[in-house]
N, C-alpha and C. Protein backbone atom coordinates (compact mmCIF):
# COMPACT_ATOMS: atom_id res chain seq x y z
N MET A 1 -27.44 10.89 6.85
CA MET A 1 -26.54 9.77 7.07
C MET A 1 -25.82 9.43 5.77
N ARG A 2 -24.57 9.10 5.87
CA ARG A 2 -23.78 8.76 4.69
C ARG A 2 -24.18 7.41 4.15
N ASN A 3 -23.98 7.26 2.84
CA ASN A 3 -24.30 5.96 2.26
C ASN A 3 -23.21 4.95 2.60
N THR A 4 -23.51 3.70 2.36
CA THR A 4 -22.60 2.62 2.71
C THR A 4 -21.27 2.73 1.98
N GLY A 5 -21.30 3.15 0.70
CA GLY A 5 -20.07 3.31 -0.07
C GLY A 5 -19.11 4.28 0.56
N SER A 6 -19.63 5.39 1.05
CA SER A 6 -18.76 6.39 1.71
C SER A 6 -18.19 5.84 3.01
N GLN A 7 -19.01 5.09 3.75
CA GLN A 7 -18.53 4.51 5.00
C GLN A 7 -17.42 3.49 4.74
N ILE A 8 -17.59 2.70 3.69
CA ILE A 8 -16.56 1.72 3.35
C ILE A 8 -15.28 2.43 2.94
N LYS A 9 -15.42 3.47 2.14
CA LYS A 9 -14.24 4.22 1.69
C LYS A 9 -13.51 4.83 2.88
N ILE A 10 -14.24 5.44 3.78
CA ILE A 10 -13.61 6.05 4.96
C ILE A 10 -12.96 4.98 5.82
N GLY A 11 -13.63 3.85 6.01
CA GLY A 11 -13.06 2.75 6.80
C GLY A 11 -11.79 2.22 6.18
N TRP A 12 -11.77 2.10 4.84
CA TRP A 12 -10.59 1.61 4.15
C TRP A 12 -9.43 2.60 4.30
N LEU A 13 -9.71 3.88 4.13
CA LEU A 13 -8.67 4.90 4.28
C LEU A 13 -8.14 4.95 5.71
N VAL A 14 -9.03 4.79 6.68
CA VAL A 14 -8.60 4.77 8.08
C VAL A 14 -7.71 3.55 8.34
N ALA A 15 -8.10 2.39 7.81
CA ALA A 15 -7.29 1.19 7.99
C ALA A 15 -5.90 1.38 7.39
N CYS A 16 -5.82 2.00 6.23
CA CYS A 16 -4.52 2.27 5.61
C CYS A 16 -3.70 3.23 6.46
N ALA A 17 -4.34 4.25 7.00
CA ALA A 17 -3.64 5.21 7.85
C ALA A 17 -3.14 4.53 9.12
N VAL A 18 -3.94 3.63 9.69
CA VAL A 18 -3.54 2.91 10.90
C VAL A 18 -2.28 2.10 10.64
N VAL A 19 -2.17 1.50 9.47
CA VAL A 19 -0.97 0.72 9.13
C VAL A 19 0.27 1.59 9.24
N LEU A 20 0.23 2.75 8.60
CA LEU A 20 1.39 3.63 8.63
C LEU A 20 1.65 4.19 10.02
N LEU A 21 0.60 4.60 10.71
CA LEU A 21 0.77 5.15 12.05
C LEU A 21 1.28 4.09 13.03
N TRP A 22 0.79 2.87 12.90
CA TRP A 22 1.28 1.80 13.77
C TRP A 22 2.76 1.55 13.53
N TRP A 23 3.17 1.44 12.27
CA TRP A 23 4.59 1.20 11.99
C TRP A 23 5.45 2.35 12.52
N THR A 24 4.96 3.57 12.32
CA THR A 24 5.70 4.75 12.78
C THR A 24 5.87 4.71 14.29
N GLY A 25 4.81 4.40 15.02
CA GLY A 25 4.89 4.36 16.48
C GLY A 25 5.68 3.20 17.01
N ALA A 26 5.48 2.02 16.43
CA ALA A 26 6.14 0.81 16.94
C ALA A 26 7.59 0.71 16.52
N TYR A 27 7.92 1.21 15.33
CA TYR A 27 9.28 1.03 14.81
C TYR A 27 9.93 2.34 14.39
N GLY A 28 9.26 3.11 13.55
CA GLY A 28 9.87 4.28 12.94
C GLY A 28 10.40 5.32 13.92
N LEU A 29 9.60 5.65 14.92
CA LEU A 29 10.01 6.67 15.89
C LEU A 29 10.55 6.09 17.19
N ASN A 30 10.63 4.78 17.27
CA ASN A 30 11.10 4.12 18.48
C ASN A 30 12.63 4.08 18.46
N ASP A 31 13.25 4.87 19.33
CA ASP A 31 14.71 4.96 19.37
C ASP A 31 15.37 3.68 19.87
N GLU A 32 14.61 2.82 20.54
CA GLU A 32 15.18 1.58 21.06
C GLU A 32 15.29 0.50 19.98
N VAL A 33 14.68 0.74 18.82
CA VAL A 33 14.71 -0.24 17.73
C VAL A 33 15.87 0.09 16.81
N SER A 34 16.65 -0.93 16.47
CA SER A 34 17.80 -0.73 15.61
C SER A 34 17.36 -0.40 14.18
N PRO A 35 18.20 0.30 13.43
CA PRO A 35 17.87 0.59 12.03
C PRO A 35 17.60 -0.67 11.21
N ALA A 36 18.33 -1.74 11.50
CA ALA A 36 18.12 -3.00 10.76
C ALA A 36 16.73 -3.56 11.05
N LEU A 37 16.30 -3.53 12.30
CA LEU A 37 14.97 -4.04 12.66
C LEU A 37 13.88 -3.14 12.08
N LYS A 38 14.10 -1.84 12.07
CA LYS A 38 13.13 -0.93 11.45
C LYS A 38 12.95 -1.28 9.98
N SER A 39 14.06 -1.54 9.31
CA SER A 39 14.02 -1.88 7.90
C SER A 39 13.28 -3.21 7.69
N GLU A 40 13.61 -4.20 8.51
CA GLU A 40 12.95 -5.50 8.40
C GLU A 40 11.47 -5.41 8.74
N ALA A 41 11.11 -4.53 9.65
CA ALA A 41 9.72 -4.38 10.06
C ALA A 41 8.86 -3.73 8.99
N MET A 42 9.50 -3.22 7.94
CA MET A 42 8.72 -2.66 6.82
C MET A 42 7.85 -3.74 6.20
N ILE A 43 8.20 -5.02 6.40
CA ILE A 43 7.40 -6.12 5.86
C ILE A 43 5.97 -6.06 6.41
N TYR A 44 5.80 -5.55 7.62
CA TYR A 44 4.45 -5.43 8.18
C TYR A 44 3.61 -4.45 7.36
N VAL A 45 4.22 -3.35 6.96
CA VAL A 45 3.52 -2.38 6.12
C VAL A 45 3.18 -3.02 4.77
N ILE A 46 4.14 -3.76 4.22
CA ILE A 46 3.93 -4.39 2.92
C ILE A 46 2.79 -5.40 2.99
N VAL A 47 2.81 -6.28 3.98
CA VAL A 47 1.77 -7.30 4.10
C VAL A 47 0.40 -6.66 4.31
N ALA A 48 0.33 -5.68 5.18
CA ALA A 48 -0.95 -5.03 5.45
C ALA A 48 -1.48 -4.31 4.21
N MET A 49 -0.61 -3.60 3.50
CA MET A 49 -1.07 -2.87 2.32
C MET A 49 -1.41 -3.81 1.17
N VAL A 50 -0.70 -4.93 1.06
CA VAL A 50 -1.07 -5.93 0.05
C VAL A 50 -2.47 -6.46 0.37
N ALA A 51 -2.73 -6.74 1.64
CA ALA A 51 -4.05 -7.24 2.02
C ALA A 51 -5.15 -6.20 1.76
N LEU A 52 -4.89 -4.95 2.08
CA LEU A 52 -5.90 -3.91 1.90
C LEU A 52 -6.14 -3.55 0.44
N SER A 53 -5.16 -3.78 -0.40
CA SER A 53 -5.30 -3.41 -1.81
C SER A 53 -5.26 -4.63 -2.73
N PHE A 54 -5.50 -5.81 -2.18
CA PHE A 54 -5.47 -7.04 -2.97
C PHE A 54 -6.56 -7.01 -4.03
N PRO A 55 -6.32 -7.44 -5.22
CA PRO A 55 -5.18 -8.12 -5.79
C PRO A 55 -4.14 -7.19 -6.40
N ILE A 56 -4.51 -5.94 -6.69
CA ILE A 56 -3.56 -5.04 -7.36
C ILE A 56 -2.36 -4.74 -6.47
N GLY A 57 -2.56 -4.75 -5.16
CA GLY A 57 -1.44 -4.51 -4.24
C GLY A 57 -0.39 -5.58 -4.33
N LEU A 58 -0.81 -6.82 -4.51
CA LEU A 58 0.14 -7.91 -4.67
C LEU A 58 0.91 -7.77 -5.98
N VAL A 59 0.18 -7.47 -7.05
CA VAL A 59 0.83 -7.27 -8.36
C VAL A 59 1.82 -6.11 -8.27
N TRP A 60 1.41 -5.00 -7.66
CA TRP A 60 2.27 -3.82 -7.54
C TRP A 60 3.53 -4.14 -6.74
N THR A 61 3.40 -4.89 -5.67
CA THR A 61 4.54 -5.24 -4.84
C THR A 61 5.51 -6.14 -5.60
N VAL A 62 4.98 -7.09 -6.36
CA VAL A 62 5.83 -7.96 -7.16
C VAL A 62 6.55 -7.15 -8.24
N VAL A 63 5.84 -6.23 -8.89
CA VAL A 63 6.46 -5.38 -9.92
C VAL A 63 7.59 -4.55 -9.30
N LEU A 64 7.36 -3.98 -8.14
CA LEU A 64 8.40 -3.20 -7.47
C LEU A 64 9.60 -4.08 -7.10
N ALA A 65 9.34 -5.28 -6.60
CA ALA A 65 10.43 -6.18 -6.22
C ALA A 65 11.24 -6.60 -7.45
N ILE A 66 10.56 -6.93 -8.53
CA ILE A 66 11.27 -7.31 -9.76
C ILE A 66 12.08 -6.13 -10.29
N GLY A 67 11.49 -4.95 -10.26
CA GLY A 67 12.20 -3.76 -10.71
C GLY A 67 13.44 -3.48 -9.87
N ALA A 68 13.30 -3.60 -8.55
CA ALA A 68 14.44 -3.38 -7.66
C ALA A 68 15.52 -4.42 -7.90
N ARG A 69 15.11 -5.66 -8.10
CA ARG A 69 16.08 -6.73 -8.37
C ARG A 69 16.80 -6.51 -9.70
N ALA A 70 16.05 -6.08 -10.71
CA ALA A 70 16.65 -5.81 -12.02
C ALA A 70 17.65 -4.66 -11.93
N LEU A 71 17.29 -3.61 -11.21
CA LEU A 71 18.22 -2.49 -11.04
C LEU A 71 19.47 -2.93 -10.29
N HIS A 72 19.27 -3.73 -9.25
CA HIS A 72 20.42 -4.24 -8.49
C HIS A 72 21.32 -5.09 -9.38
N GLY A 73 20.71 -5.94 -10.19
CA GLY A 73 21.48 -6.77 -11.11
C GLY A 73 22.25 -5.97 -12.13
N ALA A 74 21.72 -4.79 -12.48
CA ALA A 74 22.39 -3.92 -13.44
C ALA A 74 23.43 -3.02 -12.76
N GLY A 75 23.57 -3.18 -11.46
CA GLY A 75 24.55 -2.39 -10.73
C GLY A 75 24.06 -1.02 -10.30
N ILE A 76 22.77 -0.81 -10.38
CA ILE A 76 22.19 0.47 -9.98
C ILE A 76 21.58 0.31 -8.60
N GLU A 77 22.09 1.07 -7.66
CA GLU A 77 21.58 1.01 -6.29
C GLU A 77 20.80 2.28 -5.99
N LEU A 78 19.58 2.13 -5.59
CA LEU A 78 18.75 3.28 -5.22
C LEU A 78 18.83 3.45 -3.70
N GLU A 79 19.75 4.25 -3.28
CA GLU A 79 19.93 4.51 -1.86
C GLU A 79 18.95 5.59 -1.43
N THR A 80 18.13 5.27 -0.47
CA THR A 80 17.17 6.23 0.06
C THR A 80 16.98 5.94 1.54
N SER A 81 16.46 6.88 2.25
CA SER A 81 16.23 6.64 3.67
C SER A 81 15.04 5.69 3.83
N LEU A 82 15.03 5.01 4.95
CA LEU A 82 13.95 4.07 5.22
C LEU A 82 12.61 4.79 5.22
N TRP A 83 12.58 5.98 5.80
CA TRP A 83 11.33 6.74 5.87
C TRP A 83 10.78 7.03 4.48
N ILE A 84 11.65 7.44 3.57
CA ILE A 84 11.19 7.72 2.21
C ILE A 84 10.67 6.45 1.56
N GLY A 85 11.37 5.35 1.75
CA GLY A 85 10.93 4.08 1.19
C GLY A 85 9.57 3.65 1.72
N VAL A 86 9.38 3.74 3.02
CA VAL A 86 8.10 3.36 3.63
C VAL A 86 6.99 4.27 3.12
N ILE A 87 7.22 5.57 3.14
CA ILE A 87 6.18 6.52 2.72
C ILE A 87 5.84 6.33 1.24
N LEU A 88 6.87 6.17 0.38
CA LEU A 88 6.60 5.99 -1.05
C LEU A 88 5.85 4.69 -1.32
N TYR A 89 6.25 3.62 -0.65
CA TYR A 89 5.54 2.36 -0.84
C TYR A 89 4.10 2.49 -0.36
N TRP A 90 3.92 3.05 0.83
CA TRP A 90 2.58 3.19 1.40
C TRP A 90 1.70 4.06 0.49
N LEU A 91 2.23 5.19 0.05
CA LEU A 91 1.45 6.08 -0.82
C LEU A 91 1.09 5.40 -2.15
N SER A 92 2.05 4.70 -2.74
CA SER A 92 1.77 4.05 -4.02
C SER A 92 0.75 2.93 -3.84
N SER A 93 0.84 2.17 -2.78
CA SER A 93 -0.14 1.12 -2.51
C SER A 93 -1.50 1.71 -2.19
N LEU A 94 -1.50 2.80 -1.45
CA LEU A 94 -2.76 3.49 -1.15
C LEU A 94 -3.41 3.96 -2.44
N GLY A 95 -2.64 4.57 -3.31
CA GLY A 95 -3.18 5.06 -4.57
C GLY A 95 -3.69 3.95 -5.46
N MET A 96 -2.92 2.86 -5.58
CA MET A 96 -3.33 1.74 -6.41
C MET A 96 -4.59 1.08 -5.85
N GLY A 97 -4.61 0.87 -4.54
CA GLY A 97 -5.78 0.27 -3.91
C GLY A 97 -7.02 1.15 -4.04
N TYR A 98 -6.83 2.46 -3.86
CA TYR A 98 -7.95 3.38 -3.99
C TYR A 98 -8.51 3.35 -5.40
N LEU A 99 -7.63 3.41 -6.39
CA LEU A 99 -8.09 3.33 -7.79
C LEU A 99 -8.85 2.04 -8.04
N GLN A 100 -8.30 0.95 -7.53
CA GLN A 100 -8.94 -0.34 -7.74
C GLN A 100 -10.33 -0.39 -7.11
N TRP A 101 -10.41 -0.11 -5.81
CA TRP A 101 -11.65 -0.31 -5.07
C TRP A 101 -12.69 0.78 -5.25
N PHE A 102 -12.25 2.02 -5.49
CA PHE A 102 -13.22 3.11 -5.47
C PHE A 102 -13.38 3.83 -6.80
N VAL A 103 -12.62 3.41 -7.83
CA VAL A 103 -12.77 3.97 -9.17
C VAL A 103 -13.07 2.86 -10.17
N ILE A 104 -12.15 1.92 -10.31
CA ILE A 104 -12.26 0.89 -11.36
C ILE A 104 -13.40 -0.09 -11.06
N VAL A 105 -13.43 -0.66 -9.88
CA VAL A 105 -14.47 -1.66 -9.55
C VAL A 105 -15.87 -1.05 -9.63
N PRO A 106 -16.12 0.14 -9.07
CA PRO A 106 -17.48 0.70 -9.22
C PRO A 106 -17.87 0.96 -10.68
N ARG A 107 -16.93 1.42 -11.48
CA ARG A 107 -17.24 1.63 -12.90
C ARG A 107 -17.51 0.31 -13.60
N TRP A 108 -16.73 -0.69 -13.29
CA TRP A 108 -16.92 -2.01 -13.89
C TRP A 108 -18.29 -2.57 -13.50
N ARG A 109 -18.64 -2.45 -12.22
CA ARG A 109 -19.94 -2.95 -11.75
C ARG A 109 -21.09 -2.18 -12.38
N ALA A 110 -20.93 -0.86 -12.52
CA ALA A 110 -21.99 -0.05 -13.14
C ALA A 110 -22.16 -0.44 -14.60
N ARG A 111 -21.07 -0.64 -15.28
CA ARG A 111 -21.13 -1.05 -16.69
C ARG A 111 -21.75 -2.44 -16.82
N LYS A 112 -21.39 -3.32 -15.91
CA LYS A 112 -21.93 -4.69 -15.93
C LYS A 112 -23.44 -4.68 -15.70
N HIS A 113 -23.88 -3.87 -14.73
CA HIS A 113 -25.32 -3.78 -14.45
C HIS A 113 -26.07 -3.10 -15.59
N ALA A 114 -25.44 -2.14 -16.24
CA ALA A 114 -26.08 -1.44 -17.36
C ALA A 114 -26.29 -2.36 -18.54
N THR A 115 -25.32 -3.23 -18.80
CA THR A 115 -25.47 -4.15 -19.92
C THR A 115 -26.40 -5.30 -19.59
N ALA A 116 -26.59 -5.61 -18.31
CA ALA A 116 -27.48 -6.70 -17.91
C ALA A 116 -28.95 -6.29 -18.03
N GLU A 117 -29.22 -5.02 -18.00
CA GLU A 117 -30.61 -4.55 -18.06
C GLU A 117 -31.13 -4.41 -19.43
């Protein structure tokens, strides 16, 4: 039987995958949904990934928003397809959340327990 840490990791990865698959099914591949609504519905992916990767997901999203605003203010427009934007955001949030929950936090806890003994 797998240990609890592996089960949590698999559950977290599945939850992240469900977010992307749900958006893809409900909006991305739905021909009845307008491109504007698909774009606006990306907020569901953002909110879900911020929740799954909190607190680093919130920081990452704010950094991306500030960066995009700064580029826009400088007259630089990053035109990309909605699909690329959703996938890149999802992958970056997945990576940041994974690093936070399954690399950094376990090392921090191990170090904390080692110094407490």
